[in-house]
N, C-alpha and C. Protein backbone atom coordinates (compact mmCIF):
# COMPACT_ATOMS: atom_id res chain seq x y z
N MET A 1 43.37 81.44 112.46
CA MET A 1 44.43 80.91 111.61
C MET A 1 44.63 81.85 110.43
N SER A 2 45.86 82.18 110.17
CA SER A 2 46.17 83.11 109.09
C SER A 2 46.24 82.38 107.76
N ASN A 3 45.77 83.07 106.72
CA ASN A 3 45.96 82.49 105.40
C ASN A 3 47.21 83.10 104.76
N LEU A 4 47.66 82.52 103.66
CA LEU A 4 48.90 82.93 103.02
C LEU A 4 48.86 84.39 102.57
N LYS A 5 47.70 84.84 102.11
CA LYS A 5 47.56 86.22 101.64
C LYS A 5 47.78 87.21 102.79
N THR A 6 47.22 86.91 103.95
CA THR A 6 47.39 87.78 105.12
C THR A 6 48.84 87.81 105.58
N ILE A 7 49.47 86.64 105.60
CA ILE A 7 50.87 86.57 106.01
C ILE A 7 51.74 87.38 105.04
N ALA A 8 51.50 87.22 103.75
CA ALA A 8 52.29 87.95 102.73
C ALA A 8 52.10 89.46 102.89
N GLU A 9 50.87 89.90 103.12
CA GLU A 9 50.62 91.33 103.30
C GLU A 9 51.32 91.85 104.56
N ASN A 10 51.29 91.08 105.63
CA ASN A 10 51.96 91.50 106.86
C ASN A 10 53.48 91.56 106.68
N ILE A 11 54.05 90.61 105.93
CA ILE A 11 55.49 90.64 105.67
C ILE A 11 55.86 91.92 104.91
N ARG A 12 55.02 92.28 103.93
CA ARG A 12 55.31 93.46 103.12
C ARG A 12 55.14 94.77 103.89
N THR A 13 54.24 94.82 104.85
CA THR A 13 53.87 96.10 105.47
C THR A 13 54.35 96.27 106.92
N GLN A 14 54.85 95.24 107.56
CA GLN A 14 55.24 95.34 108.97
C GLN A 14 56.53 96.14 109.15
N ASP A 15 56.76 96.56 110.39
CA ASP A 15 58.02 97.21 110.76
C ASP A 15 59.09 96.12 110.80
N ASN A 16 60.08 96.24 109.95
CA ASN A 16 61.12 95.22 109.84
C ASN A 16 62.28 95.42 110.81
N ARG A 17 62.16 96.38 111.70
CA ARG A 17 63.16 96.60 112.73
C ARG A 17 64.57 96.77 112.16
N ALA A 18 64.66 97.56 111.12
CA ALA A 18 65.95 97.94 110.52
C ALA A 18 66.72 96.77 109.92
N THR A 19 66.01 95.75 109.49
CA THR A 19 66.64 94.65 108.76
C THR A 19 65.78 94.30 107.56
N SER A 20 66.42 93.92 106.46
CA SER A 20 65.65 93.63 105.26
C SER A 20 64.95 92.28 105.34
N ASP A 21 65.45 91.38 106.16
CA ASP A 21 64.88 90.03 106.25
C ASP A 21 64.69 89.63 107.71
N PRO A 22 63.65 90.15 108.37
CA PRO A 22 63.46 89.85 109.79
C PRO A 22 62.80 88.49 110.01
N LEU A 23 63.09 87.91 111.14
CA LEU A 23 62.37 86.75 111.64
C LEU A 23 61.99 87.10 113.07
N PHE A 24 60.73 86.95 113.39
CA PHE A 24 60.23 87.32 114.71
C PHE A 24 60.16 86.08 115.59
N LEU A 25 60.66 86.22 116.81
CA LEU A 25 60.71 85.12 117.75
C LEU A 25 59.84 85.40 118.95
N VAL A 26 59.25 84.35 119.49
CA VAL A 26 58.63 84.42 120.81
C VAL A 26 59.65 83.81 121.76
N GLN A 27 59.97 84.56 122.80
CA GLN A 27 60.89 84.09 123.83
C GLN A 27 60.19 84.19 125.17
N GLN A 28 60.67 83.40 126.12
CA GLN A 28 60.15 83.49 127.48
C GLN A 28 61.32 83.51 128.45
N LYS A 29 61.07 84.11 129.60
CA LYS A 29 62.11 84.20 130.62
C LYS A 29 62.26 82.84 131.30
N SER A 30 63.50 82.45 131.47
CA SER A 30 63.81 81.18 132.12
C SER A 30 64.86 81.44 133.19
N ARG A 31 64.83 80.65 134.23
CA ARG A 31 65.75 80.85 135.36
C ARG A 31 66.59 79.59 135.58
N THR A 32 67.89 79.77 135.67
CA THR A 32 68.82 78.69 135.98
C THR A 32 69.27 78.85 137.43
N TRP A 33 68.97 77.85 138.24
CA TRP A 33 69.29 77.88 139.66
C TRP A 33 70.64 77.20 139.93
N GLY A 34 71.22 77.51 141.07
CA GLY A 34 72.44 76.83 141.52
C GLY A 34 73.72 77.46 141.01
N VAL A 35 73.64 78.71 140.56
CA VAL A 35 74.82 79.40 140.06
C VAL A 35 75.65 79.89 141.24
N ASP A 36 76.95 79.66 141.19
CA ASP A 36 77.85 80.10 142.25
C ASP A 36 77.73 81.62 142.41
N LEU A 37 77.67 82.08 143.64
CA LEU A 37 77.49 83.50 143.91
C LEU A 37 78.66 84.35 143.44
N ALA A 38 79.77 83.73 143.10
CA ALA A 38 80.89 84.47 142.52
C ALA A 38 80.58 84.90 141.08
N TYR A 39 79.56 84.27 140.48
CA TYR A 39 79.24 84.53 139.08
C TYR A 39 77.90 85.22 138.87
N THR A 40 77.21 85.56 139.93
CA THR A 40 75.93 86.25 139.80
C THR A 40 75.67 87.14 141.00
N ASP A 41 74.91 88.19 140.77
CA ASP A 41 74.49 89.08 141.85
C ASP A 41 73.07 88.77 142.30
N THR A 42 72.41 87.82 141.64
CA THR A 42 71.03 87.51 141.96
C THR A 42 70.96 86.20 142.73
N TYR A 43 70.19 86.22 143.79
CA TYR A 43 70.08 85.03 144.65
C TYR A 43 68.78 85.10 145.43
N GLU A 44 68.42 83.97 146.02
CA GLU A 44 67.29 83.90 146.95
C GLU A 44 67.70 83.04 148.12
N TRP A 45 67.12 83.35 149.26
CA TRP A 45 67.32 82.52 150.44
C TRP A 45 66.21 81.47 150.42
N VAL A 46 66.60 80.21 150.55
CA VAL A 46 65.61 79.14 150.57
C VAL A 46 65.85 78.27 151.78
N GLY A 47 64.76 77.67 152.26
CA GLY A 47 64.87 76.77 153.39
C GLY A 47 65.55 75.47 152.99
N THR A 48 66.41 74.95 153.86
CA THR A 48 67.12 73.71 153.53
C THR A 48 66.20 72.50 153.61
N ASP A 49 65.14 72.57 154.41
CA ASP A 49 64.22 71.44 154.53
C ASP A 49 63.11 71.48 153.50
N ASP A 50 62.70 72.67 153.11
CA ASP A 50 61.57 72.82 152.20
C ASP A 50 61.87 73.97 151.25
N CYS A 51 62.05 73.66 149.97
CA CYS A 51 62.44 74.68 149.00
C CYS A 51 61.40 75.78 148.82
N GLU A 52 60.17 75.53 149.23
CA GLU A 52 59.13 76.55 149.11
C GLU A 52 59.22 77.58 150.23
N LEU A 53 59.95 77.26 151.27
CA LEU A 53 60.07 78.12 152.44
C LEU A 53 60.94 79.32 152.12
N ARG A 54 60.47 80.52 152.43
CA ARG A 54 61.24 81.74 152.22
C ARG A 54 61.37 82.47 153.55
N PRO A 55 62.58 82.91 153.89
CA PRO A 55 62.75 83.59 155.17
C PRO A 55 62.15 84.99 155.15
N THR A 56 61.73 85.44 156.29
CA THR A 56 61.27 86.82 156.43
C THR A 56 62.50 87.72 156.44
N PRO A 57 62.34 89.01 156.23
CA PRO A 57 63.50 89.92 156.31
C PRO A 57 64.24 89.83 157.64
N GLN A 58 63.50 89.66 158.73
CA GLN A 58 64.13 89.54 160.05
C GLN A 58 64.97 88.27 160.14
N GLN A 59 64.45 87.17 159.63
CA GLN A 59 65.20 85.91 159.66
C GLN A 59 66.46 86.01 158.80
N ARG A 60 66.36 86.68 157.66
CA ARG A 60 67.54 86.87 156.79
C ARG A 60 68.61 87.66 157.52
N LEU A 61 68.20 88.73 158.20
CA LEU A 61 69.15 89.56 158.93
C LEU A 61 69.83 88.75 160.04
N GLU A 62 69.07 87.96 160.77
CA GLU A 62 69.64 87.13 161.83
C GLU A 62 70.62 86.12 161.25
N PHE A 63 70.29 85.53 160.10
CA PHE A 63 71.19 84.57 159.47
C PHE A 63 72.48 85.24 159.03
N GLN A 64 72.37 86.42 158.45
CA GLN A 64 73.57 87.13 157.99
C GLN A 64 74.48 87.50 159.17
N ARG A 65 73.88 87.84 160.31
CA ARG A 65 74.66 88.18 161.50
C ARG A 65 75.37 86.95 162.06
N SER A 66 74.68 85.80 162.05
CA SER A 66 75.26 84.59 162.64
C SER A 66 76.28 83.93 161.72
N GLY A 67 76.21 84.22 160.44
CA GLY A 67 77.15 83.62 159.50
C GLY A 67 76.72 82.22 159.09
N PRO A 68 77.47 81.59 158.21
CA PRO A 68 77.06 80.31 157.66
C PRO A 68 77.44 79.11 158.53
N ASN A 69 77.75 79.30 159.81
CA ASN A 69 78.14 78.18 160.68
C ASN A 69 76.95 77.72 161.51
N GLY A 70 77.01 76.51 161.97
CA GLY A 70 75.98 76.01 162.87
C GLY A 70 74.83 75.35 162.13
N ASP A 71 73.70 75.24 162.82
CA ASP A 71 72.52 74.59 162.27
C ASP A 71 71.69 75.59 161.48
N ASP A 72 72.12 75.87 160.30
CA ASP A 72 71.43 76.86 159.47
C ASP A 72 70.23 76.22 158.78
N ILE A 73 69.16 76.95 158.75
CA ILE A 73 67.97 76.45 158.05
C ILE A 73 67.77 77.16 156.72
N TRP A 74 68.69 78.06 156.37
CA TRP A 74 68.57 78.80 155.12
C TRP A 74 69.80 78.61 154.25
N ASP A 75 69.59 78.51 152.96
CA ASP A 75 70.69 78.48 152.00
C ASP A 75 70.51 79.64 151.04
N CYS A 76 71.62 80.25 150.68
CA CYS A 76 71.60 81.32 149.69
C CYS A 76 71.89 80.65 148.33
N VAL A 77 70.90 80.71 147.42
CA VAL A 77 71.02 80.02 146.14
C VAL A 77 71.05 81.05 145.02
N GLY A 78 72.12 81.04 144.24
CA GLY A 78 72.26 81.97 143.13
C GLY A 78 71.50 81.51 141.90
N TYR A 79 71.08 82.47 141.08
CA TYR A 79 70.39 82.14 139.84
C TYR A 79 70.71 83.18 138.78
N VAL A 80 70.45 82.81 137.54
CA VAL A 80 70.60 83.72 136.40
C VAL A 80 69.34 83.60 135.55
N ASP A 81 68.76 84.74 135.20
CA ASP A 81 67.62 84.76 134.28
C ASP A 81 68.13 84.94 132.86
N HIS A 82 67.49 84.27 131.92
CA HIS A 82 67.86 84.40 130.51
C HIS A 82 66.61 84.19 129.66
N TRP A 83 66.71 84.56 128.40
CA TRP A 83 65.60 84.41 127.46
C TRP A 83 65.79 83.13 126.67
N GLU A 84 64.74 82.31 126.60
CA GLU A 84 64.82 81.08 125.83
C GLU A 84 63.84 81.12 124.66
N PHE A 85 64.24 80.50 123.57
CA PHE A 85 63.45 80.44 122.35
C PHE A 85 62.21 79.58 122.58
N VAL A 86 61.06 80.08 122.07
CA VAL A 86 59.82 79.31 122.12
C VAL A 86 59.39 78.93 120.70
N THR A 87 59.22 79.93 119.83
CA THR A 87 58.83 79.67 118.44
C THR A 87 59.23 80.84 117.56
N ALA A 88 59.18 80.62 116.26
CA ALA A 88 59.53 81.67 115.29
C ALA A 88 58.34 81.88 114.35
N CYS A 89 58.17 83.14 113.92
CA CYS A 89 57.09 83.50 113.00
C CYS A 89 57.65 84.45 111.95
N PHE A 90 57.03 84.47 110.78
CA PHE A 90 57.44 85.39 109.73
C PHE A 90 56.98 86.82 110.03
N THR A 91 55.97 86.96 110.89
CA THR A 91 55.43 88.29 111.18
C THR A 91 55.32 88.53 112.69
N GLU A 92 55.40 89.80 113.04
CA GLU A 92 55.22 90.16 114.45
C GLU A 92 53.81 89.82 114.91
N SER A 93 52.83 90.02 114.05
CA SER A 93 51.45 89.71 114.44
C SER A 93 51.29 88.20 114.68
N GLY A 94 52.04 87.38 113.96
CA GLY A 94 52.01 85.94 114.22
C GLY A 94 52.52 85.62 115.62
N CYS A 95 53.55 86.32 116.04
CA CYS A 95 54.07 86.14 117.41
C CYS A 95 53.05 86.58 118.44
N ARG A 96 52.43 87.72 118.20
CA ARG A 96 51.43 88.23 119.16
C ARG A 96 50.24 87.27 119.26
N ASP A 97 49.82 86.71 118.12
CA ASP A 97 48.73 85.73 118.13
C ASP A 97 49.14 84.49 118.92
N TYR A 98 50.38 84.04 118.73
CA TYR A 98 50.87 82.87 119.46
C TYR A 98 50.86 83.14 120.97
N ILE A 99 51.37 84.30 121.36
CA ILE A 99 51.40 84.64 122.79
C ILE A 99 49.99 84.71 123.36
N ARG A 100 49.08 85.32 122.62
CA ARG A 100 47.69 85.42 123.08
C ARG A 100 47.09 84.03 123.31
N ALA A 101 47.39 83.08 122.43
CA ALA A 101 46.82 81.74 122.54
C ALA A 101 47.52 80.88 123.59
N ASN A 102 48.77 81.20 123.90
CA ASN A 102 49.56 80.33 124.78
C ASN A 102 50.11 81.02 126.02
N ALA A 103 49.64 82.20 126.33
CA ALA A 103 50.19 82.96 127.46
C ALA A 103 50.12 82.18 128.77
N HIS A 104 49.12 81.34 128.92
CA HIS A 104 48.98 80.58 130.16
C HIS A 104 50.12 79.57 130.36
N ASN A 105 50.85 79.25 129.31
CA ASN A 105 51.98 78.31 129.40
C ASN A 105 53.34 79.00 129.33
N LEU A 106 53.35 80.32 129.21
CA LEU A 106 54.60 81.05 129.01
C LEU A 106 54.94 81.90 130.22
N ASN A 107 56.23 82.09 130.46
CA ASN A 107 56.70 82.92 131.58
C ASN A 107 57.25 84.23 131.02
N GLU A 108 56.55 85.31 131.24
CA GLU A 108 56.94 86.65 130.78
C GLU A 108 57.36 86.65 129.30
N PRO A 109 56.46 86.25 128.40
CA PRO A 109 56.83 86.18 126.98
C PRO A 109 57.10 87.55 126.38
N ARG A 110 57.93 87.55 125.32
CA ARG A 110 58.20 88.78 124.58
C ARG A 110 58.39 88.42 123.11
N VAL A 111 58.26 89.44 122.26
CA VAL A 111 58.56 89.30 120.84
C VAL A 111 59.94 89.89 120.60
N TYR A 112 60.78 89.15 119.91
CA TYR A 112 62.15 89.56 119.65
C TYR A 112 62.41 89.38 118.16
N CYS A 113 63.13 90.30 117.55
CA CYS A 113 63.38 90.24 116.12
C CYS A 113 64.87 89.96 115.86
N VAL A 114 65.11 88.99 114.97
CA VAL A 114 66.46 88.68 114.53
C VAL A 114 66.51 88.81 113.01
N SER A 115 67.70 88.87 112.46
CA SER A 115 67.87 89.01 111.02
C SER A 115 68.16 87.66 110.38
N LEU A 116 67.62 87.46 109.20
CA LEU A 116 67.91 86.26 108.42
C LEU A 116 69.07 86.50 107.46
N TYR A 117 69.87 87.51 107.72
CA TYR A 117 71.00 87.87 106.87
C TYR A 117 71.84 86.64 106.52
N ARG A 118 72.04 86.43 105.23
CA ARG A 118 72.82 85.32 104.67
C ARG A 118 72.21 83.95 104.93
N ASN A 119 70.96 83.89 105.32
CA ASN A 119 70.26 82.61 105.48
C ASN A 119 69.39 82.41 104.23
N ASP A 120 70.01 81.93 103.17
CA ASP A 120 69.36 81.85 101.86
C ASP A 120 68.09 81.02 101.88
N GLU A 121 68.05 79.94 102.64
CA GLU A 121 66.85 79.10 102.69
C GLU A 121 65.64 79.86 103.23
N MET A 122 65.82 80.52 104.38
CA MET A 122 64.68 81.23 104.99
C MET A 122 64.27 82.44 104.17
N ILE A 123 65.24 83.14 103.59
CA ILE A 123 64.91 84.28 102.74
C ILE A 123 64.11 83.81 101.54
N ALA A 124 64.48 82.67 100.96
CA ALA A 124 63.74 82.12 99.83
C ALA A 124 62.31 81.77 100.22
N VAL A 125 62.10 81.24 101.40
CA VAL A 125 60.74 80.91 101.85
C VAL A 125 59.93 82.19 102.02
N ARG A 126 60.50 83.22 102.63
CA ARG A 126 59.79 84.50 102.77
C ARG A 126 59.40 85.06 101.40
N GLU A 127 60.35 85.05 100.48
CA GLU A 127 60.07 85.58 99.13
C GLU A 127 59.03 84.75 98.41
N MET A 128 59.05 83.43 98.62
CA MET A 128 58.05 82.56 98.01
C MET A 128 56.65 82.91 98.53
N ILE A 129 56.54 83.18 99.82
CA ILE A 129 55.24 83.55 100.38
C ILE A 129 54.73 84.84 99.74
N ILE A 130 55.60 85.82 99.62
CA ILE A 130 55.22 87.10 99.02
C ILE A 130 54.89 86.92 97.54
N ASP A 131 55.73 86.19 96.81
CA ASP A 131 55.52 85.99 95.37
C ASP A 131 54.27 85.19 95.08
N GLU A 132 53.99 84.19 95.89
CA GLU A 132 52.78 83.36 95.71
C GLU A 132 51.52 84.21 95.80
N ASP A 133 51.51 85.13 96.74
CA ASP A 133 50.35 86.01 96.90
C ASP A 133 50.22 86.97 95.72
N GLU A 134 51.34 87.46 95.22
CA GLU A 134 51.29 88.44 94.13
C GLU A 134 50.89 87.81 92.80
N THR A 135 51.10 86.50 92.64
CA THR A 135 50.73 85.84 91.38
C THR A 135 49.25 85.51 91.32
N LYS A 136 48.57 85.56 92.41
CA LYS A 136 47.13 85.22 92.41
C LYS A 136 46.28 86.43 92.11
């Protein structure tokens, strides 16, 4: 667990990624299934009886040759991958610590930096953390 002094020092010394007021986010990859193939290039073939069933390359080729008519056992399901917000930290090291502690619950986590530009409340909190440390 970080103390306020460590957080303040990290805020002052970290790479701010070309912004004066960074906020570091932990994000994880998320997948949305059922997207129409007209709107995505990514898809998987799934069994119509059992969603865990995946066709072999030979079965996929045979299905593509036969077309979508008849008693098909495979469906082509479109999906889109996107990044979803998990948590926010004042420091990159805080994000890395979070990922280290929670990696078993996260899907391909990453650290992402956004700017707090014109977010007066969050900028004030960051400055308060730094100022509190400097007054001690």
